[in-house]
Amino acid sequence: MNAVQLKQAVTISLTKQVQETAQAQASIMLEGFAKTQQNVQAAQASHPTSGKVLDIKA
């Protein structure tokens, strides 16, 4: 294996590792978003229309 082939092999290997790390981090982030969304929905007002309409008098 010459130097060019070795460099290409190392570059491909590092690229694969970076991609796998990014995918793992994205998965963790999406799980966090889902948990946050559930918490937000649970924390909403118990009255179904509360806060949806504002009465403004000028």
PDB file of N, CA and C in Angstrom:
ATOM      1  N   MET A   1       0.860  -1.174   0.000  1.00  0.00           N
ATOM      2  CA  MET A   1       0.000   0.000   0.000  1.00  0.00           C
ATOM      3  C   MET A   1       0.904   1.235   0.000  1.00  0.00           C
ATOM      4  N   ASN A   2       0.695   2.079  -0.965  1.00  0.00           N
ATOM      5  CA  ASN A   2       1.532   3.276  -1.022  1.00  0.00           C
ATOM      6  C   ASN A   2       0.919   4.395  -0.169  1.00  0.00           C
ATOM      7  N   ALA A   3       1.593   5.510  -0.102  1.00  0.00           N
ATOM      8  CA  ALA A   3       1.191   6.606   0.772  1.00  0.00           C
ATOM      9  C   ALA A   3      -0.172   7.181   0.396  1.00  0.00           C
ATOM     10  N   VAL A   4      -0.458   7.286  -0.878  1.00  0.00           N
ATOM     11  CA  VAL A   4      -1.740   7.846  -1.326  1.00  0.00           C
ATOM     12  C   VAL A   4      -2.884   6.923  -0.913  1.00  0.00           C
ATOM     13  N   GLN A   5      -2.728   5.637  -1.111  1.00  0.00           N
ATOM     14  CA  GLN A   5      -3.770   4.690  -0.726  1.00  0.00           C
ATOM     15  C   GLN A   5      -3.975   4.681   0.785  1.00  0.00           C
ATOM     16  N   LEU A   6      -2.879   4.765   1.528  1.00  0.00           N
ATOM     17  CA  LEU A   6      -2.966   4.805   2.983  1.00  0.00           C
ATOM     18  C   LEU A   6      -3.712   6.053   3.439  1.00  0.00           C
ATOM     19  N   LYS A   7      -3.389   7.186   2.844  1.00  0.00           N
ATOM     20  CA  LYS A   7      -4.061   8.432   3.191  1.00  0.00           C
ATOM     21  C   LYS A   7      -5.550   8.341   2.895  1.00  0.00           C
ATOM     22  N   GLN A   8      -5.924   7.772   1.748  1.00  0.00           N
ATOM     23  CA  GLN A   8      -7.332   7.620   1.393  1.00  0.00           C
ATOM     24  C   GLN A   8      -8.051   6.691   2.375  1.00  0.00           C
ATOM     25  N   ALA A   9      -7.386   5.607   2.753  1.00  0.00           N
ATOM     26  CA  ALA A   9      -7.994   4.656   3.680  1.00  0.00           C
ATOM     27  C   ALA A   9      -8.220   5.298   5.050  1.00  0.00           C
ATOM     28  N   VAL A  10      -7.256   6.072   5.512  1.00  0.00           N
ATOM     29  CA  VAL A  10      -7.391   6.753   6.796  1.00  0.00           C
ATOM     30  C   VAL A  10      -8.494   7.804   6.730  1.00  0.00           C
ATOM     31  N   THR A  11      -8.545   8.547   5.648  1.00  0.00           N
ATOM     32  CA  THR A  11      -9.571   9.572   5.484  1.00  0.00           C
ATOM     33  C   THR A  11     -10.963   8.959   5.479  1.00  0.00           C
ATOM     34  N   ILE A  12     -11.131   7.859   4.767  1.00  0.00           N
ATOM     35  CA  ILE A  12     -12.432   7.183   4.718  1.00  0.00           C
ATOM     36  C   ILE A  12     -12.809   6.656   6.099  1.00  0.00           C
ATOM     37  N   SER A  13     -11.866   6.085   6.787  1.00  0.00           N
ATOM     38  CA  SER A  13     -12.130   5.567   8.125  1.00  0.00           C
ATOM     39  C   SER A  13     -12.546   6.675   9.082  1.00  0.00           C
ATOM     40  N   LEU A  14     -11.835   7.783   9.055  1.00  0.00           N
ATOM     41  CA  LEU A  14     -12.182   8.910   9.920  1.00  0.00           C
ATOM     42  C   LEU A  14     -13.543   9.493   9.559  1.00  0.00           C
ATOM     43  N   THR A  15     -13.830   9.574   8.269  1.00  0.00           N
ATOM     44  CA  THR A  15     -15.125  10.092   7.828  1.00  0.00           C
ATOM     45  C   THR A  15     -16.256   9.212   8.340  1.00  0.00           C
ATOM     46  N   LYS A  16     -16.081   7.897   8.280  1.00  0.00           N
ATOM     47  CA  LYS A  16     -17.100   6.974   8.780  1.00  0.00           C
ATOM     48  C   LYS A  16     -17.302   7.149  10.278  1.00  0.00           C
ATOM     49  N   GLN A  17     -16.210   7.321  11.019  1.00  0.00           N
ATOM     50  CA  GLN A  17     -16.314   7.509  12.463  1.00  0.00           C
ATOM     51  C   GLN A  17     -17.045   8.807  12.795  1.00  0.00           C
ATOM     52  N   VAL A  18     -16.746   9.867  12.087  1.00  0.00           N
ATOM     53  CA  VAL A  18     -17.409  11.152  12.310  1.00  0.00           C
ATOM     54  C   VAL A  18     -18.896  11.030  11.994  1.00  0.00           C
ATOM     55  N   GLN A  19     -19.223  10.349  10.914  1.00  0.00           N
ATOM     56  CA  GLN A  19     -20.622  10.175  10.528  1.00  0.00           C
ATOM     57  C   GLN A  19     -21.381   9.369  11.589  1.00  0.00           C
ATOM     58  N   GLU A  20     -20.787   8.306  12.091  1.00  0.00           N
ATOM     59  CA  GLU A  20     -21.437   7.493  13.121  1.00  0.00           C
ATOM     60  C   GLU A  20     -21.642   8.306  14.399  1.00  0.00           C
ATOM     61  N   THR A  21     -20.668   9.117  14.767  1.00  0.00           N
ATOM     62  CA  THR A  21     -20.791   9.963  15.950  1.00  0.00           C
ATOM     63  C   THR A  21     -21.909  10.983  15.761  1.00  0.00           C
ATOM     64  N   ALA A  22     -21.969  11.591  14.604  1.00  0.00           N
ATOM     65  CA  ALA A  22     -23.016  12.580  14.324  1.00  0.00           C
ATOM     66  C   ALA A  22     -24.396  11.934  14.365  1.00  0.00           C
ATOM     67  N   GLN A  23     -24.520  10.732  13.841  1.00  0.00           N
ATOM     68  CA  GLN A  23     -25.811  10.037  13.865  1.00  0.00           C
ATOM     69  C   GLN A  23     -26.225   9.721  15.300  1.00  0.00           C
ATOM     70  N   ALA A  24     -25.277   9.289  16.119  1.00  0.00           N
ATOM     71  CA  ALA A  24     -25.580   8.985  17.512  1.00  0.00           C
ATOM     72  C   ALA A  24     -26.009  10.248  18.257  1.00  0.00           C
ATOM     73  N   GLN A  25     -25.315  11.345  18.028  1.00  0.00           N
ATOM     74  CA  GLN A  25     -25.659  12.602  18.683  1.00  0.00           C
ATOM     75  C   GLN A  25     -27.026  13.101  18.223  1.00  0.00           C
ATOM     76  N   ALA A  26     -27.332  12.962  16.954  1.00  0.00           N
ATOM     77  CA  ALA A  26     -28.635  13.384  16.437  1.00  0.00           C
ATOM     78  C   ALA A  26     -29.752  12.553  17.059  1.00  0.00           C
ATOM     79  N   SER A  27     -29.517  11.275  17.223  1.00  0.00           N
ATOM     80  CA  SER A  27     -30.512  10.400  17.835  1.00  0.00           C
ATOM     81  C   SER A  27     -30.785  10.822  19.273  1.00  0.00           C
ATOM     82  N   ILE A  28     -29.733  11.114  20.021  1.00  0.00           N
ATOM     83  CA  ILE A  28     -29.884  11.568  21.409  1.00  0.00           C
ATOM     84  C   ILE A  28     -30.626  12.894  21.450  1.00  0.00           C
ATOM     85  N   MET A  29     -30.296  13.801  20.536  1.00  0.00           N
ATOM     86  CA  MET A  29     -30.937  15.106  20.488  1.00  0.00           C
ATOM     87  C   MET A  29     -32.433  14.960  20.191  1.00  0.00           C
ATOM     88  N   LEU A  30     -32.794  14.096  19.248  1.00  0.00           N
ATOM     89  CA  LEU A  30     -34.195  13.894  18.900  1.00  0.00           C
ATOM     90  C   LEU A  30     -34.975  13.274  20.061  1.00  0.00           C
ATOM     91  N   GLU A  31     -34.340  12.380  20.801  1.00  0.00           N
ATOM     92  CA  GLU A  31     -34.989  11.813  21.983  1.00  0.00           C
ATOM     93  C   GLU A  31     -35.256  12.911  23.008  1.00  0.00           C
ATOM     94  N   GLY A  32     -34.293  13.803  23.178  1.00  0.00           N
ATOM     95  CA  GLY A  32     -34.470  14.933  24.094  1.00  0.00           C
ATOM     96  C   GLY A  32     -35.601  15.843  23.655  1.00  0.00           C
ATOM     97  N   PHE A  33     -35.692  16.112  22.355  1.00  0.00           N
ATOM     98  CA  PHE A  33     -36.784  16.940  21.833  1.00  0.00           C
ATOM     99  C   PHE A  33     -38.138  16.276  22.110  1.00  0.00           C
ATOM    100  N   ALA A  34     -38.217  14.974  21.917  1.00  0.00           N
ATOM    101  CA  ALA A  34     -39.477  14.260  22.149  1.00  0.00           C
ATOM    102  C   ALA A  34     -39.881  14.351  23.616  1.00  0.00           C
ATOM    103  N   LYS A  35     -38.933  14.188  24.527  1.00  0.00           N
ATOM    104  CA  LYS A  35     -39.236  14.290  25.959  1.00  0.00           C
ATOM    105  C   LYS A  35     -39.673  15.704  26.322  1.00  0.00           C
ATOM    106  N   THR A  36     -39.009  16.696  25.744  1.00  0.00           N
ATOM    107  CA  THR A  36     -39.379  18.077  26.013  1.00  0.00           C
ATOM    108  C   THR A  36     -40.783  18.358  25.502  1.00  0.00           C
ATOM    109  N   GLN A  37     -41.107  17.872  24.323  1.00  0.00           N
ATOM    110  CA  GLN A  37     -42.445  18.063  23.759  1.00  0.00           C
ATOM    111  C   GLN A  37     -43.500  17.441  24.653  1.00  0.00           C
ATOM    112  N   GLN A  38     -43.234  16.258  25.187  1.00  0.00           N
ATOM    113  CA  GLN A  38     -44.179  15.608  26.087  1.00  0.00           C
ATOM    114  C   GLN A  38     -44.369  16.443  27.353  1.00  0.00           C
ATOM    115  N   ASN A  39     -43.281  16.985  27.880  1.00  0.00           N
ATOM    116  CA  ASN A  39     -43.365  17.813  29.078  1.00  0.00           C
ATOM    117  C   ASN A  39     -44.159  19.084  28.816  1.00  0.00           C
ATOM    118  N   VAL A  40     -43.974  19.677  27.650  1.00  0.00           N
ATOM    119  CA  VAL A  40     -44.712  20.899  27.302  1.00  0.00           C
ATOM    120  C   VAL A  40     -46.194  20.590  27.187  1.00  0.00           C
ATOM    121  N   GLN A  41     -46.538  19.497  26.542  1.00  0.00           N
ATOM    122  CA  GLN A  41     -47.943  19.129  26.394  1.00  0.00           C
ATOM    123  C   GLN A  41     -48.574  18.837  27.751  1.00  0.00           C
ATOM    124  N   ALA A  42     -47.833  18.223  28.642  1.00  0.00           N
ATOM    125  CA  ALA A  42     -48.354  17.902  29.969  1.00  0.00           C
ATOM    126  C   ALA A  42     -48.526  19.161  30.812  1.00  0.00           C
ATOM    127  N   ALA A  43     -47.732  20.181  30.559  1.00  0.00           N
ATOM    128  CA  ALA A  43     -47.771  21.403  31.355  1.00  0.00           C
ATOM    129  C   ALA A  43     -48.799  22.405  30.849  1.00  0.00           C
ATOM    130  N   GLN A  44     -49.461  22.136  29.748  1.00  0.00           N
ATOM    131  CA  GLN A  44     -50.437  23.075  29.201  1.00  0.00           C
ATOM    132  C   GLN A  44     -51.641  23.178  30.127  1.00  0.00           C
ATOM    133  N   ALA A  45     -52.365  24.276  29.994  1.00  0.00           N
ATOM    134  CA  ALA A  45     -53.525  24.533  30.844  1.00  0.00           C
ATOM    135  C   ALA A  45     -54.541  23.398  30.742  1.00  0.00           C
ATOM    136  N   SER A  46     -55.197  23.125  31.857  1.00  0.00           N
ATOM    137  CA  SER A  46     -56.172  22.044  31.861  1.00  0.00           C
ATOM    138  C   SER A  46     -57.439  22.410  31.089  1.00  0.00           C
ATOM    139  N   HIS A  47     -57.737  23.704  30.970  1.00  0.00           N
ATOM    140  CA  HIS A  47     -58.901  24.138  30.204  1.00  0.00           C
ATOM    141  C   HIS A  47     -58.523  24.159  28.724  1.00  0.00           C
ATOM    142  N   PRO A  48     -59.295  23.514  27.850  1.00  0.00           N
ATOM    143  CA  PRO A  48     -58.880  23.352  26.445  1.00  0.00           C
ATOM    144  C   PRO A  48     -58.763  24.646  25.641  1.00  0.00           C
ATOM    145  N   THR A  49     -59.502  25.705  26.029  1.00  0.00           N
ATOM    146  CA  THR A  49     -59.421  26.938  25.259  1.00  0.00           C
ATOM    147  C   THR A  49     -58.695  28.053  26.006  1.00  0.00           C
ATOM    148  N   SER A  50     -58.176  27.774  27.159  1.00  0.00           N
ATOM    149  CA  SER A  50     -57.512  28.790  27.967  1.00  0.00           C
ATOM    150  C   SER A  50     -56.285  29.349  27.235  1.00  0.00           C
ATOM    151  N   GLY A  51     -56.257  30.673  27.085  1.00  0.00           N
ATOM    152  CA  GLY A  51     -55.116  31.332  26.466  1.00  0.00           C
ATOM    153  C   GLY A  51     -55.125  31.354  24.964  1.00  0.00           C
ATOM    154  N   LYS A  52     -56.154  30.844  24.326  1.00  0.00           N
ATOM    155  CA  LYS A  52     -56.174  30.805  22.865  1.00  0.00           C
ATOM    156  C   LYS A  52     -56.791  32.056  22.251  1.00  0.00           C
ATOM    157  N   VAL A  53     -57.614  32.779  23.037  1.00  0.00           N
ATOM    158  CA  VAL A  53     -58.291  33.969  22.525  1.00  0.00           C
ATOM    159  C   VAL A  53     -58.015  35.117  23.486  1.00  0.00           C
ATOM    160  N   LEU A  54     -57.656  36.265  22.926  1.00  0.00           N
ATOM    161  CA  LEU A  54     -57.424  37.463  23.724  1.00  0.00           C
ATOM    162  C   LEU A  54     -58.519  38.475  23.436  1.00  0.00           C
ATOM    163  N   ASP A  55     -59.124  39.001  24.477  1.00  0.00           N
ATOM    164  CA  ASP A  55     -60.112  40.066  24.327  1.00  0.00           C
ATOM    165  C   ASP A  55     -59.395  41.391  24.525  1.00  0.00           C
ATOM    166  N   ILE A  56     -59.383  42.213  23.480  1.00  0.00           N
ATOM    167  CA  ILE A  56     -58.702  43.503  23.548  1.00  0.00           C
ATOM    168  C   ILE A  56     -59.709  44.605  23.256  1.00  0.00           C
ATOM    169  N   LYS A  57     -59.794  45.562  24.168  1.00  0.00           N
ATOM    170  CA  LYS A  57     -60.686  46.703  23.971  1.00  0.00           C
ATOM    171  C   LYS A  57     -59.821  47.931  23.732  1.00  0.00           C
ATOM    172  N   ALA A  58     -60.148  48.667  22.687  1.00  0.00           N
ATOM    173  CA  ALA A  58     -59.359  49.852  22.359  1.00  0.00           C
ATOM    174  C   ALA A  58     -59.993  51.108  22.897  1.00  0.00           C
TER     175      ALA A  58
END
